[in-house]
Amino acid sequence: MYILLIGYLFVIVMFAAVVGASNWVLGLFFFITLAVLPTWLIFWLKRSVQKKKAETKLDQQDVDTNNR
């Protein structure tokens, strides 16, 4: 998954650099909307799933400990 993300970010950075050559504000806008926000969303969603799994595992361990 990370190799796809790196490739995607490379393409977006190159695109933003080409657009930013004529207008840096537009290049920054494209970089933020096409690179930063989607990447943040992917990591946030992935991390929320990891937190939920860890919480469920911890709750299950607490239940197993209390039943002994």
PDB file of N, CA and C in Angstrom:
ATOM      1  N   MET A   1       0.818  -1.190   0.000  1.00  0.00           N
ATOM      2  CA  MET A   1       0.000   0.000   0.000  1.00  0.00           C
ATOM      3  C   MET A   1       0.868   1.264   0.000  1.00  0.00           C
ATOM      4  N   TYR A   2       1.970   1.194   0.744  1.00  0.00           N
ATOM      5  CA  TYR A   2       2.812   2.385   0.850  1.00  0.00           C
ATOM      6  C   TYR A   2       3.491   2.730  -0.467  1.00  0.00           C
ATOM      7  N   ILE A   3       3.830   1.706  -1.271  1.00  0.00           N
ATOM      8  CA  ILE A   3       4.472   1.992  -2.545  1.00  0.00           C
ATOM      9  C   ILE A   3       3.492   2.705  -3.474  1.00  0.00           C
ATOM     10  N   LEU A   4       2.226   2.356  -3.405  1.00  0.00           N
ATOM     11  CA  LEU A   4       1.217   3.063  -4.199  1.00  0.00           C
ATOM     12  C   LEU A   4       1.062   4.504  -3.737  1.00  0.00           C
ATOM     13  N   LEU A   5       1.094   4.702  -2.442  1.00  0.00           N
ATOM     14  CA  LEU A   5       0.990   6.055  -1.894  1.00  0.00           C
ATOM     15  C   LEU A   5       2.194   6.911  -2.293  1.00  0.00           C
ATOM     16  N   ILE A   6       3.374   6.326  -2.249  1.00  0.00           N
ATOM     17  CA  ILE A   6       4.573   7.064  -2.649  1.00  0.00           C
ATOM     18  C   ILE A   6       4.503   7.436  -4.122  1.00  0.00           C
ATOM     19  N   GLY A   7       4.071   6.500  -4.961  1.00  0.00           N
ATOM     20  CA  GLY A   7       3.923   6.797  -6.392  1.00  0.00           C
ATOM     21  C   GLY A   7       2.884   7.871  -6.645  1.00  0.00           C
ATOM     22  N   TYR A   8       1.770   7.776  -5.955  1.00  0.00           N
ATOM     23  CA  TYR A   8       0.712   8.776  -6.098  1.00  0.00           C
ATOM     24  C   TYR A   8       1.214  10.158  -5.686  1.00  0.00           C
ATOM     25  N   LEU A   9       1.896  10.221  -4.551  1.00  0.00           N
ATOM     26  CA  LEU A   9       2.405  11.508  -4.086  1.00  0.00           C
ATOM     27  C   LEU A   9       3.460  12.075  -5.032  1.00  0.00           C
ATOM     28  N   PHE A  10       4.277  11.215  -5.613  1.00  0.00           N
ATOM     29  CA  PHE A  10       5.275  11.677  -6.580  1.00  0.00           C
ATOM     30  C   PHE A  10       4.590  12.328  -7.782  1.00  0.00           C
ATOM     31  N   VAL A  11       3.568  11.668  -8.310  1.00  0.00           N
ATOM     32  CA  VAL A  11       2.852  12.216  -9.466  1.00  0.00           C
ATOM     33  C   VAL A  11       2.199  13.546  -9.110  1.00  0.00           C
ATOM     34  N   ILE A  12       1.573  13.627  -7.950  1.00  0.00           N
ATOM     35  CA  ILE A  12       0.896  14.854  -7.545  1.00  0.00           C
ATOM     36  C   ILE A  12       1.899  15.981  -7.303  1.00  0.00           C
ATOM     37  N   VAL A  13       3.034  15.661  -6.700  1.00  0.00           N
ATOM     38  CA  VAL A  13       4.051  16.698  -6.479  1.00  0.00           C
ATOM     39  C   VAL A  13       4.571  17.215  -7.822  1.00  0.00           C
ATOM     40  N   MET A  14       4.803  16.322  -8.783  1.00  0.00           N
ATOM     41  CA  MET A  14       5.263  16.763 -10.102  1.00  0.00           C
ATOM     42  C   MET A  14       4.192  17.613 -10.798  1.00  0.00           C
ATOM     43  N   PHE A  15       2.942  17.194 -10.672  1.00  0.00           N
ATOM     44  CA  PHE A  15       1.838  17.958 -11.262  1.00  0.00           C
ATOM     45  C   PHE A  15       1.749  19.345 -10.622  1.00  0.00           C
ATOM     46  N   ALA A  16       1.841  19.392  -9.292  1.00  0.00           N
ATOM     47  CA  ALA A  16       1.765  20.679  -8.594  1.00  0.00           C
ATOM     48  C   ALA A  16       2.952  21.561  -8.942  1.00  0.00           C
ATOM     49  N   ALA A  17       4.116  20.948  -9.176  1.00  0.00           N
ATOM     50  CA  ALA A  17       5.296  21.732  -9.550  1.00  0.00           C
ATOM     51  C   ALA A  17       5.126  22.346 -10.933  1.00  0.00           C
ATOM     52  N   VAL A  18       4.546  21.589 -11.861  1.00  0.00           N
ATOM     53  CA  VAL A  18       4.322  22.115 -13.216  1.00  0.00           C
ATOM     54  C   VAL A  18       3.288  23.229 -13.183  1.00  0.00           C
ATOM     55  N   VAL A  19       2.211  23.010 -12.458  1.00  0.00           N
ATOM     56  CA  VAL A  19       1.187  24.045 -12.346  1.00  0.00           C
ATOM     57  C   VAL A  19       1.741  25.234 -11.565  1.00  0.00           C
ATOM     58  N   GLY A  20       2.530  24.952 -10.541  1.00  0.00           N
ATOM     59  CA  GLY A  20       3.083  25.999  -9.705  1.00  0.00           C
ATOM     60  C   GLY A  20       4.155  26.832 -10.384  1.00  0.00           C
ATOM     61  N   ALA A  21       4.661  26.362 -11.510  1.00  0.00           N
ATOM     62  CA  ALA A  21       5.677  27.135 -12.225  1.00  0.00           C
ATOM     63  C   ALA A  21       5.099  28.445 -12.755  1.00  0.00           C
ATOM     64  N   SER A  22       3.830  28.426 -13.106  1.00  0.00           N
ATOM     65  CA  SER A  22       3.206  29.643 -13.618  1.00  0.00           C
ATOM     66  C   SER A  22       2.470  30.411 -12.518  1.00  0.00           C
ATOM     67  N   ASN A  23       1.912  29.693 -11.546  1.00  0.00           N
ATOM     68  CA  ASN A  23       1.159  30.331 -10.475  1.00  0.00           C
ATOM     69  C   ASN A  23       1.356  29.494  -9.206  1.00  0.00           C
ATOM     70  N   TRP A  24       2.173  29.979  -8.278  1.00  0.00           N
ATOM     71  CA  TRP A  24       2.516  29.181  -7.109  1.00  0.00           C
ATOM     72  C   TRP A  24       1.329  28.940  -6.182  1.00  0.00           C
ATOM     73  N   VAL A  25       0.369  29.858  -6.170  1.00  0.00           N
ATOM     74  CA  VAL A  25      -0.812  29.673  -5.316  1.00  0.00           C
ATOM     75  C   VAL A  25      -1.646  28.505  -5.826  1.00  0.00           C
ATOM     76  N   LEU A  26      -1.804  28.414  -7.129  1.00  0.00           N
ATOM     77  CA  LEU A  26      -2.545  27.305  -7.725  1.00  0.00           C
ATOM     78  C   LEU A  26      -1.812  25.981  -7.504  1.00  0.00           C
ATOM     79  N   GLY A  27      -0.491  26.007  -7.620  1.00  0.00           N
ATOM     80  CA  GLY A  27       0.291  24.805  -7.344  1.00  0.00           C
ATOM     81  C   GLY A  27       0.154  24.342  -5.910  1.00  0.00           C
ATOM     82  N   LEU A  28       0.188  25.276  -4.980  1.00  0.00           N
ATOM     83  CA  LEU A  28       0.001  24.945  -3.567  1.00  0.00           C
ATOM     84  C   LEU A  28      -1.404  24.406  -3.311  1.00  0.00           C
ATOM     85  N   PHE A  29      -2.390  25.009  -3.954  1.00  0.00           N
ATOM     86  CA  PHE A  29      -3.768  24.538  -3.814  1.00  0.00           C
ATOM     87  C   PHE A  29      -3.904  23.095  -4.300  1.00  0.00           C
ATOM     88  N   PHE A  30      -3.348  22.787  -5.468  1.00  0.00           N
ATOM     89  CA  PHE A  30      -3.411  21.424  -5.991  1.00  0.00           C
ATOM     90  C   PHE A  30      -2.658  20.452  -5.088  1.00  0.00           C
ATOM     91  N   PHE A  31      -1.515  20.879  -4.577  1.00  0.00           N
ATOM     92  CA  PHE A  31      -0.748  20.007  -3.694  1.00  0.00           C
ATOM     93  C   PHE A  31      -1.530  19.674  -2.430  1.00  0.00           C
ATOM     94  N   ILE A  32      -2.134  20.677  -1.835  1.00  0.00           N
ATOM     95  CA  ILE A  32      -2.880  20.439  -0.593  1.00  0.00           C
ATOM     96  C   ILE A  32      -4.125  19.597  -0.854  1.00  0.00           C
ATOM     97  N   THR A  33      -4.896  19.933  -1.896  1.00  0.00           N
ATOM     98  CA  THR A  33      -6.151  19.217  -2.127  1.00  0.00           C
ATOM     99  C   THR A  33      -5.951  17.826  -2.707  1.00  0.00           C
ATOM    100  N   LEU A  34      -4.899  17.607  -3.480  1.00  0.00           N
ATOM    101  CA  LEU A  34      -4.711  16.300  -4.107  1.00  0.00           C
ATOM    102  C   LEU A  34      -3.679  15.423  -3.408  1.00  0.00           C
ATOM    103  N   ALA A  35      -2.856  15.990  -2.525  1.00  0.00           N
ATOM    104  CA  ALA A  35      -1.825  15.188  -1.860  1.00  0.00           C
ATOM    105  C   ALA A  35      -2.006  15.151  -0.347  1.00  0.00           C
ATOM    106  N   VAL A  36      -2.083  16.289   0.284  1.00  0.00           N
ATOM    107  CA  VAL A  36      -2.100  16.331   1.746  1.00  0.00           C
ATOM    108  C   VAL A  36      -3.422  15.804   2.308  1.00  0.00           C
ATOM    109  N   LEU A  37      -4.523  16.310   1.827  1.00  0.00           N
ATOM    110  CA  LEU A  37      -5.822  15.907   2.387  1.00  0.00           C
ATOM    111  C   LEU A  37      -6.146  14.425   2.169  1.00  0.00           C
ATOM    112  N   PRO A  38      -5.979  13.873   0.962  1.00  0.00           N
ATOM    113  CA  PRO A  38      -6.244  12.440   0.807  1.00  0.00           C
ATOM    114  C   PRO A  38      -5.302  11.564   1.634  1.00  0.00           C
ATOM    115  N   THR A  39      -4.030  11.954   1.720  1.00  0.00           N
ATOM    116  CA  THR A  39      -3.080  11.178   2.518  1.00  0.00           C
ATOM    117  C   THR A  39      -3.460  11.221   3.989  1.00  0.00           C
ATOM    118  N   TRP A  40      -3.813  12.393   4.475  1.00  0.00           N
ATOM    119  CA  TRP A  40      -4.244  12.508   5.863  1.00  0.00           C
ATOM    120  C   TRP A  40      -5.497  11.649   6.121  1.00  0.00           C
ATOM    121  N   LEU A  41      -6.430  11.672   5.183  1.00  0.00           N
ATOM    122  CA  LEU A  41      -7.657  10.889   5.345  1.00  0.00           C
ATOM    123  C   LEU A  41      -7.357   9.394   5.384  1.00  0.00           C
ATOM    124  N   ILE A  42      -6.482   8.921   4.522  1.00  0.00           N
ATOM    125  CA  ILE A  42      -6.129   7.497   4.506  1.00  0.00           C
ATOM    126  C   ILE A  42      -5.488   7.096   5.824  1.00  0.00           C
ATOM    127  N   PHE A  43      -4.519   7.884   6.293  1.00  0.00           N
ATOM    128  CA  PHE A  43      -3.869   7.548   7.557  1.00  0.00           C
ATOM    129  C   PHE A  43      -4.819   7.658   8.735  1.00  0.00           C
ATOM    130  N   TRP A  44      -5.710   8.627   8.709  1.00  0.00           N
ATOM    131  CA  TRP A  44      -6.668   8.785   9.808  1.00  0.00           C
ATOM    132  C   TRP A  44      -7.626   7.594   9.865  1.00  0.00           C
ATOM    133  N   LEU A  45      -8.137   7.179   8.697  1.00  0.00           N
ATOM    134  CA  LEU A  45      -9.040   6.031   8.665  1.00  0.00           C
ATOM    135  C   LEU A  45      -8.329   4.750   9.092  1.00  0.00           C
ATOM    136  N   LYS A  46      -7.117   4.565   8.605  1.00  0.00           N
ATOM    137  CA  LYS A  46      -6.364   3.374   8.964  1.00  0.00           C
ATOM    138  C   LYS A  46      -6.064   3.356  10.461  1.00  0.00           C
ATOM    139  N   ARG A  47      -5.698   4.493  11.008  1.00  0.00           N
ATOM    140  CA  ARG A  47      -5.389   4.567  12.437  1.00  0.00           C
ATOM    141  C   ARG A  47      -6.637   4.350  13.295  1.00  0.00           C
ATOM    142  N   SER A  48      -7.787   4.846  12.848  1.00  0.00           N
ATOM    143  CA  SER A  48      -9.011   4.641  13.628  1.00  0.00           C
ATOM    144  C   SER A  48      -9.389   3.165  13.671  1.00  0.00           C
ATOM    145  N   VAL A  49      -9.156   2.444  12.589  1.00  0.00           N
ATOM    146  CA  VAL A  49      -9.418   1.003  12.584  1.00  0.00           C
ATOM    147  C   VAL A  49      -8.454   0.298  13.534  1.00  0.00           C
ATOM    148  N   GLN A  50      -7.186   0.704  13.516  1.00  0.00           N
ATOM    149  CA  GLN A  50      -6.211   0.109  14.425  1.00  0.00           C
ATOM    150  C   GLN A  50      -6.570   0.372  15.885  1.00  0.00           C
ATOM    151  N   LYS A  51      -7.011   1.581  16.184  1.00  0.00           N
ATOM    152  CA  LYS A  51      -7.409   1.904  17.560  1.00  0.00           C
ATOM    153  C   LYS A  51      -8.595   1.052  17.996  1.00  0.00           C
ATOM    154  N   LYS A  52      -9.562   0.896  17.096  1.00  0.00           N
ATOM    155  CA  LYS A  52     -10.746   0.110  17.434  1.00  0.00           C
ATOM    156  C   LYS A  52     -10.378  -1.347  17.683  1.00  0.00           C
ATOM    157  N   LYS A  53      -9.476  -1.915  16.866  1.00  0.00           N
ATOM    158  CA  LYS A  53      -9.036  -3.292  17.072  1.00  0.00           C
ATOM    159  C   LYS A  53      -8.297  -3.441  18.391  1.00  0.00           C
ATOM    160  N   ALA A  54      -7.436  -2.488  18.709  1.00  0.00           N
ATOM    161  CA  ALA A  54      -6.686  -2.543  19.962  1.00  0.00           C
ATOM    162  C   ALA A  54      -7.622  -2.425  21.156  1.00  0.00           C
ATOM    163  N   GLU A  55      -8.612  -1.563  21.054  1.00  0.00           N
ATOM    164  CA  GLU A  55      -9.579  -1.403  22.146  1.00  0.00           C
ATOM    165  C   GLU A  55     -10.389  -2.681  22.337  1.00  0.00           C
ATOM    166  N   THR A  56     -10.804  -3.292  21.249  1.00  0.00           N
ATOM    167  CA  THR A  56     -11.557  -4.540  21.333  1.00  0.00           C
ATOM    168  C   THR A  56     -10.701  -5.638  21.952  1.00  0.00           C
ATOM    169  N   LYS A  57      -9.446  -5.709  21.543  1.00  0.00           N
ATOM    170  CA  LYS A  57      -8.539  -6.716  22.106  1.00  0.00           C
ATOM    171  C   LYS A  57      -8.324  -6.482  23.592  1.00  0.00           C
ATOM    172  N   LEU A  58      -8.145  -5.236  23.998  1.00  0.00           N
ATOM    173  CA  LEU A  58      -7.953  -4.915  25.407  1.00  0.00           C
ATOM    174  C   LEU A  58      -9.207  -5.253  26.214  1.00  0.00           C
ATOM    175  N   ASP A  59     -10.379  -4.938  25.692  1.00  0.00           N
ATOM    176  CA  ASP A  59     -11.633  -5.271  26.373  1.00  0.00           C
ATOM    177  C   ASP A  59     -11.779  -6.781  26.519  1.00  0.00           C
ATOM    178  N   GLN A  60     -11.413  -7.520  25.465  1.00  0.00           N
ATOM    179  CA  GLN A  60     -11.509  -8.982  25.525  1.00  0.00           C
ATOM    180  C   GLN A  60     -10.541  -9.540  26.561  1.00  0.00           C
ATOM    181  N   GLN A  61      -9.355  -8.958  26.677  1.00  0.00           N
ATOM    182  CA  GLN A  61      -8.403  -9.410  27.687  1.00  0.00           C
ATOM    183  C   GLN A  61      -8.925  -9.108  29.088  1.00  0.00           C
ATOM    184  N   ASP A  62      -9.579  -7.963  29.269  1.00  0.00           N
ATOM    185  CA  ASP A  62     -10.157  -7.616  30.566  1.00  0.00           C
ATOM    186  C   ASP A  62     -11.260  -8.597  30.945  1.00  0.00           C
ATOM    187  N   VAL A  63     -12.086  -8.973  29.982  1.00  0.00           N
ATOM    188  CA  VAL A  63     -13.164  -9.919  30.243  1.00  0.00           C
ATOM    189  C   VAL A  63     -12.585 -11.265  30.596  1.00  0.00           C
ATOM    190  N   ASP A  64     -11.553 -11.706  29.864  1.00  0.00           N
ATOM    191  CA  ASP A  64     -10.924 -12.997  30.179  1.00  0.00           C
ATOM    192  C   ASP A  64     -10.272 -12.988  31.548  1.00  0.00           C
ATOM    193  N   THR A  65      -9.651 -11.873  31.931  1.00  0.00           N
ATOM    194  CA  THR A  65      -9.009 -11.765  33.235  1.00  0.00           C
ATOM    195  C   THR A  65     -10.046 -11.774  34.363  1.00  0.00           C
ATOM    196  N   ASN A  66     -11.160 -11.102  34.150  1.00  0.00           N
ATOM    197  CA  ASN A  66     -12.203 -11.028  35.190  1.00  0.00           C
ATOM    198  C   ASN A  66     -12.934 -12.357  35.357  1.00  0.00           C
ATOM    199  N   ASN A  67     -12.969 -13.184  34.336  1.00  0.00           N
ATOM    200  CA  ASN A  67     -13.667 -14.465  34.411  1.00  0.00           C
ATOM    201  C   ASN A  67     -12.847 -15.534  35.131  1.00  0.00           C
ATOM    202  N   ARG A  68     -11.584 -15.299  35.342  1.00  0.00           N
ATOM    203  CA  ARG A  68     -10.726 -16.313  36.005  1.00  0.00           C
ATOM    204  C   ARG A  68     -10.855 -16.256  37.474  1.00  0.00           C
TER     205      ARG A  68
END
